[in-house]
Structure formats: C-alpha cells, structure tokens
C-alpha cells in the first residue's frame, strides 16, 4: 500500500472493533509497545474502500455477481493490506506480501 493517506487501526485479540486509529505506523507501534498490547495493526487506505483499493491495485477482480454484492463489499479486506501482529507489545515476525 502506498505510504500516503493511510490509517493504521489496532484491534485487540478477540475484539469485534478497532480500539485505536493512527496516522502513522510509528505512532501506532509506540502506543502498542508502551501498553504491552496483543492484537493486530492493519493499514487501511483513507478516502477509499478496501474493495476499491484492491481493484485499483490489481489485487482483486470480480468474477461473479456475488463479488459485487453489498454484503461482500461491506466485509471486504485484502490480504495485500499491510498488517502486523503483536503479542504483549512485541512485534511478531512480519512477512511482506
């Protein structure tokens, strides 16, 4: 994901919703480490849906009507979005896509 106009959302393990939003990875990581948190930090495009971003980047192509259905679009996230896993504030091994 391009490094401009992105947001970094943190979701704790077993949570249904993100608990924090940051404008930079560095801010997010410092907060996670400082509070010894466990969960996932995920990069999201701003002013664009994950669905539209994935199509624009060539990471997803709709192949059927279900791929254009509101329920599909509303829940869509891409494996190509950067994400980092933390356990007790420590970054676990990160693998780029």
Protein backbone atom coordinates (compact mmCIF):
# COMPACT_ATOMS: atom_id res chain seq x y z
CA UNK A 1 0.00 0.00 0.00
CA UNK A 2 1.35 3.43 -0.87
CA UNK A 3 2.54 5.31 2.20
CA UNK A 4 0.37 8.40 1.69
CA UNK A 5 -3.13 8.88 3.07
CA UNK A 6 -3.25 5.67 5.09
CA UNK A 7 -4.59 4.96 8.54
CA UNK A 8 -3.40 2.31 10.99
CA UNK A 9 -6.12 0.60 13.01
CA UNK A 10 -5.41 -1.57 16.05
CA UNK A 11 -7.75 -4.39 17.05
CA UNK A 12 -7.10 -6.43 20.19
CA UNK A 13 -7.29 -10.21 20.12
CA UNK A 14 -10.91 -11.41 20.14
CA UNK A 15 -12.30 -7.88 19.77
CA UNK A 16 -15.07 -7.00 17.34
CA UNK A 17 -13.98 -3.43 16.69
CA UNK A 18 -10.71 -1.47 16.47
CA UNK A 19 -9.73 0.40 19.62
CA UNK A 20 -7.30 2.92 18.13
CA UNK A 21 -6.58 4.74 14.87
CA UNK A 22 -3.25 6.34 13.98
CA UNK A 23 -1.92 8.37 11.08
CA UNK A 24 1.48 6.66 11.16
CA UNK A 25 2.88 3.21 11.82
CA UNK A 26 5.46 4.67 14.23
CA UNK A 27 2.78 6.25 16.43
CA UNK A 28 0.75 3.05 16.45
CA UNK A 29 3.70 0.82 17.28
CA UNK A 30 4.84 3.10 20.12
CA UNK A 31 1.34 3.01 21.64
CA UNK A 32 1.07 -0.78 21.30
CA UNK A 33 4.54 -1.37 22.78
CA UNK A 34 4.02 1.17 25.58
CA UNK A 35 0.81 -0.52 26.68
CA UNK A 36 2.04 -4.12 26.15
CA UNK A 37 -0.91 -4.92 23.89
CA UNK A 38 -1.76 -8.05 21.91
CA UNK A 39 -3.61 -7.83 18.63
CA UNK A 40 -3.29 -6.82 15.01
CA UNK A 41 -2.35 -3.48 13.48
CA UNK A 42 -3.68 -3.09 9.96
CA UNK A 43 -3.06 -0.42 7.34
CA UNK A 44 -6.15 0.95 5.58
CA UNK A 45 -6.45 3.39 2.68
CA UNK A 46 -8.13 6.69 3.57
CA UNK A 47 -10.95 8.08 1.45
CA UNK A 48 -11.24 4.75 -0.38
CA UNK A 49 -12.72 1.38 0.49
CA UNK A 50 -10.51 -1.69 0.79
CA UNK A 51 -12.57 -3.21 -2.03
CA UNK A 52 -11.96 -0.27 -4.39
CA UNK A 53 -8.29 -0.09 -3.38
CA UNK A 54 -7.72 -3.79 -4.12
CA UNK A 55 -9.36 -3.47 -7.55
CA UNK A 56 -7.38 -0.30 -8.39
CA UNK A 57 -4.11 -2.02 -7.37
CA UNK A 58 -4.91 -5.12 -9.43
CA UNK A 59 -5.13 -7.36 -6.36
CA UNK A 60 -8.77 -8.33 -6.89
CA UNK A 61 -11.03 -8.82 -9.87
CA UNK A 62 -14.73 -9.52 -9.50
CA UNK A 63 -15.69 -12.73 -11.24
CA UNK A 64 -19.36 -13.07 -10.39
CA UNK A 65 -22.37 -11.14 -9.14
CA UNK A 66 -21.62 -12.13 -5.53
CA UNK A 67 -18.29 -10.29 -5.83
CA UNK A 68 -20.26 -7.08 -6.44
CA UNK A 69 -22.92 -7.71 -3.78
CA UNK A 70 -23.25 -5.16 -0.95
CA UNK A 71 -22.69 -7.82 1.73
CA UNK A 72 -19.42 -8.86 0.06
CA UNK A 73 -18.17 -5.30 -0.46
CA UNK A 74 -19.07 -4.28 3.11
CA UNK A 75 -16.94 -7.07 4.63
CA UNK A 76 -14.05 -6.96 2.16
CA UNK A 77 -10.45 -6.67 3.31
CA UNK A 78 -7.45 -7.63 1.24
CA UNK A 79 -4.57 -9.93 2.12
CA UNK A 80 -2.45 -7.31 0.36
CA UNK A 81 -3.13 -4.74 3.09
CA UNK A 82 -0.13 -4.50 5.40
CA UNK A 83 -0.71 -5.94 8.85
CA UNK A 84 1.42 -6.59 11.91
CA UNK A 85 0.73 -8.96 14.80
CA UNK A 86 1.73 -8.06 18.34
CA UNK A 87 1.88 -10.18 21.48
CA UNK A 88 2.25 -8.33 24.81
CA UNK A 89 3.61 -5.30 22.95
CA UNK A 90 6.19 -7.21 20.94
CA UNK A 91 6.05 -7.40 17.16
CA UNK A 92 5.84 -10.97 15.95
CA UNK A 93 7.68 -11.93 12.78
CA UNK A 94 6.40 -9.79 9.90
CA UNK A 95 6.18 -11.17 6.38
CA UNK A 96 5.54 -8.76 3.49
CA UNK A 97 3.07 -9.83 0.82
